[in-house]
């Protein structure tokens, strides 16, 4: 008994054509970019992600403080930290809750700056020598 027409057509579609050959790659090595270019790309991507996390943390801090009526002025970097600490000074319990988030922001920001310095150093080493 033959399978139904649909079954035969399906089986025909599953079988590879006669000129189709399976090749197995026998090489164990894969060509990759140079180590320096991979390192530079990784530095750029990692720093970009840390800056994004830093921005998200500062926005979270602003939002939580706004819930309690504490508005952080438009400030960046060290001024942001000082402004947050100044506003939290009178709120003991809230200060204990929010300071760990602020410390995480400071750490992430420091790591992003460190990667930025490494990135500049790497770019300086890769630039052609003048003179």
Protein backbone atom coordinates (compact mmCIF):
# COMPACT_ATOMS: atom_id res chain seq x y z
CA UNK A 1 0.00 0.00 0.00
CA UNK A 2 1.37 3.38 -0.99
CA UNK A 3 1.30 6.40 1.31
CA UNK A 4 -1.15 9.13 0.37
CA UNK A 5 -0.07 11.64 -2.27
CA UNK A 6 0.60 14.32 0.34
CA UNK A 7 2.91 11.93 2.19
CA UNK A 8 4.91 11.13 -0.95
CA UNK A 9 5.28 14.81 -1.79
CA UNK A 10 6.39 15.56 1.75
CA UNK A 11 8.96 12.74 1.64
CA UNK A 12 10.24 14.00 -1.70
CA UNK A 13 10.75 17.47 -0.24
CA UNK A 14 12.72 16.01 2.66
CA UNK A 15 15.18 14.08 0.52
CA UNK A 16 18.15 16.13 -0.67
CA UNK A 17 18.75 16.51 -4.41
CA UNK A 18 21.22 14.16 -6.10
CA UNK A 19 23.90 16.82 -6.42
CA UNK A 20 23.75 17.68 -2.73
CA UNK A 21 26.70 16.50 -0.65
CA UNK A 22 27.30 16.77 3.05
CA UNK A 23 30.72 18.13 3.87
CA UNK A 24 32.18 17.97 7.31
CA UNK A 25 34.61 20.66 8.31
CA UNK A 26 37.73 18.89 9.49
CA UNK A 27 39.61 21.98 10.63
CA UNK A 28 39.67 22.77 14.32
CA UNK A 29 40.77 26.37 13.88
CA UNK A 30 38.46 29.25 13.21
CA UNK A 31 39.74 32.48 11.75
CA UNK A 32 39.09 35.41 14.06
CA UNK A 33 40.03 39.04 14.10
CA UNK A 34 43.25 40.05 15.76
CA UNK A 35 43.45 40.05 19.52
CA UNK A 36 43.89 43.83 19.64
CA UNK A 37 40.77 44.56 17.62
CA UNK A 38 38.70 42.12 19.70
CA UNK A 39 39.99 43.74 22.89
CA UNK A 40 39.18 47.22 21.59
CA UNK A 41 35.66 46.19 20.60
CA UNK A 42 35.10 44.53 23.97
CA UNK A 43 36.28 47.65 25.79
CA UNK A 44 33.92 49.85 23.78
CA UNK A 45 30.91 47.57 24.29
CA UNK A 46 31.57 47.04 28.00
CA UNK A 47 32.05 50.74 28.67
CA UNK A 48 28.88 51.56 26.74
CA UNK A 49 26.92 49.05 28.83
CA UNK A 50 28.32 50.40 32.09
CA UNK A 51 27.42 53.97 31.08
CA UNK A 52 23.90 52.77 30.29
CA UNK A 53 23.65 51.04 33.69
CA UNK A 54 24.96 54.21 35.37
CA UNK A 55 22.29 56.29 33.66
CA UNK A 56 19.58 53.81 34.64
CA UNK A 57 20.74 53.85 38.26
CA UNK A 58 20.75 57.66 38.41
CA UNK A 59 17.24 57.71 36.94
CA UNK A 60 16.11 55.14 39.52
CA UNK A 61 17.58 57.27 42.31
CA UNK A 62 15.85 60.38 40.93
CA UNK A 63 12.54 58.53 40.66
CA UNK A 64 12.68 57.12 44.18
CA UNK A 65 13.58 60.49 45.64
CA UNK A 66 10.82 62.19 43.68
CA UNK A 67 8.33 59.82 45.36
CA UNK A 68 9.25 61.48 48.65
CA UNK A 69 9.16 64.98 47.19
CA UNK A 70 12.93 65.30 46.91
CA UNK A 71 13.80 66.72 43.50
CA UNK A 72 17.40 66.27 42.39
CA UNK A 73 18.50 69.17 40.22
CA UNK A 74 19.87 68.51 36.76
CA UNK A 75 23.40 67.63 37.73
CA UNK A 76 25.98 65.10 36.62
CA UNK A 77 28.91 63.27 38.14
CA UNK A 78 30.14 64.39 41.52
CA UNK A 79 27.53 67.13 41.70
CA UNK A 80 24.79 64.52 41.42
CA UNK A 81 26.24 62.56 44.32
CA UNK A 82 26.59 65.68 46.50
CA UNK A 83 23.05 66.80 45.66
CA UNK A 84 21.59 63.39 46.53
CA UNK A 85 23.51 63.24 49.82
CA UNK A 86 22.45 66.81 50.68
CA UNK A 87 18.78 66.04 50.04
CA UNK A 88 18.92 62.76 51.98
CA UNK A 89 20.57 64.32 55.03
CA UNK A 90 17.28 64.87 56.88
CA UNK A 91 15.72 61.52 56.00
CA UNK A 92 17.46 58.89 58.14
CA UNK A 93 15.46 55.77 57.24
CA UNK A 94 15.19 56.68 53.57
CA UNK A 95 18.89 57.47 53.53
CA UNK A 96 19.73 53.93 54.68
CA UNK A 97 17.61 52.51 51.87
CA UNK A 98 18.89 54.74 49.07
CA UNK A 99 22.60 55.02 49.89
CA UNK A 100 23.43 51.47 48.71
CA UNK A 101 21.92 52.36 45.34
CA UNK A 102 23.98 55.55 45.25
CA UNK A 103 27.12 53.58 46.13
CA UNK A 104 26.38 51.14 43.30
CA UNK A 105 26.02 54.12 40.94
CA UNK A 106 29.39 55.48 42.11
CA UNK A 107 31.08 52.09 41.59
CA UNK A 108 29.61 51.55 38.12
CA UNK A 109 30.55 55.08 37.13
CA UNK A 110 34.12 54.55 38.34
CA UNK A 111 34.46 51.31 36.39
CA UNK A 112 33.13 52.99 33.24
CA UNK A 113 35.69 55.78 33.67
CA UNK A 114 38.45 53.21 34.15
CA UNK A 115 37.45 51.43 30.94
CA UNK A 116 37.34 54.80 29.17
CA UNK A 117 40.94 55.45 30.21
CA UNK A 118 41.96 52.01 28.99
CA UNK A 119 40.17 52.67 25.73
CA UNK A 120 42.04 55.96 25.27
CA UNK A 121 45.33 54.27 26.13
CA UNK A 122 44.65 51.50 23.62
CA UNK A 123 43.67 54.02 20.95
CA UNK A 124 46.84 56.02 21.63
CA UNK A 125 48.98 52.92 21.32
CA UNK A 126 47.28 51.96 18.06
CA UNK A 127 47.68 55.38 16.41
CA UNK A 128 50.63 55.82 14.06
CA UNK A 129 53.71 57.47 15.57
CA UNK A 130 54.11 61.06 14.57
CA UNK A 131 57.38 62.59 13.60
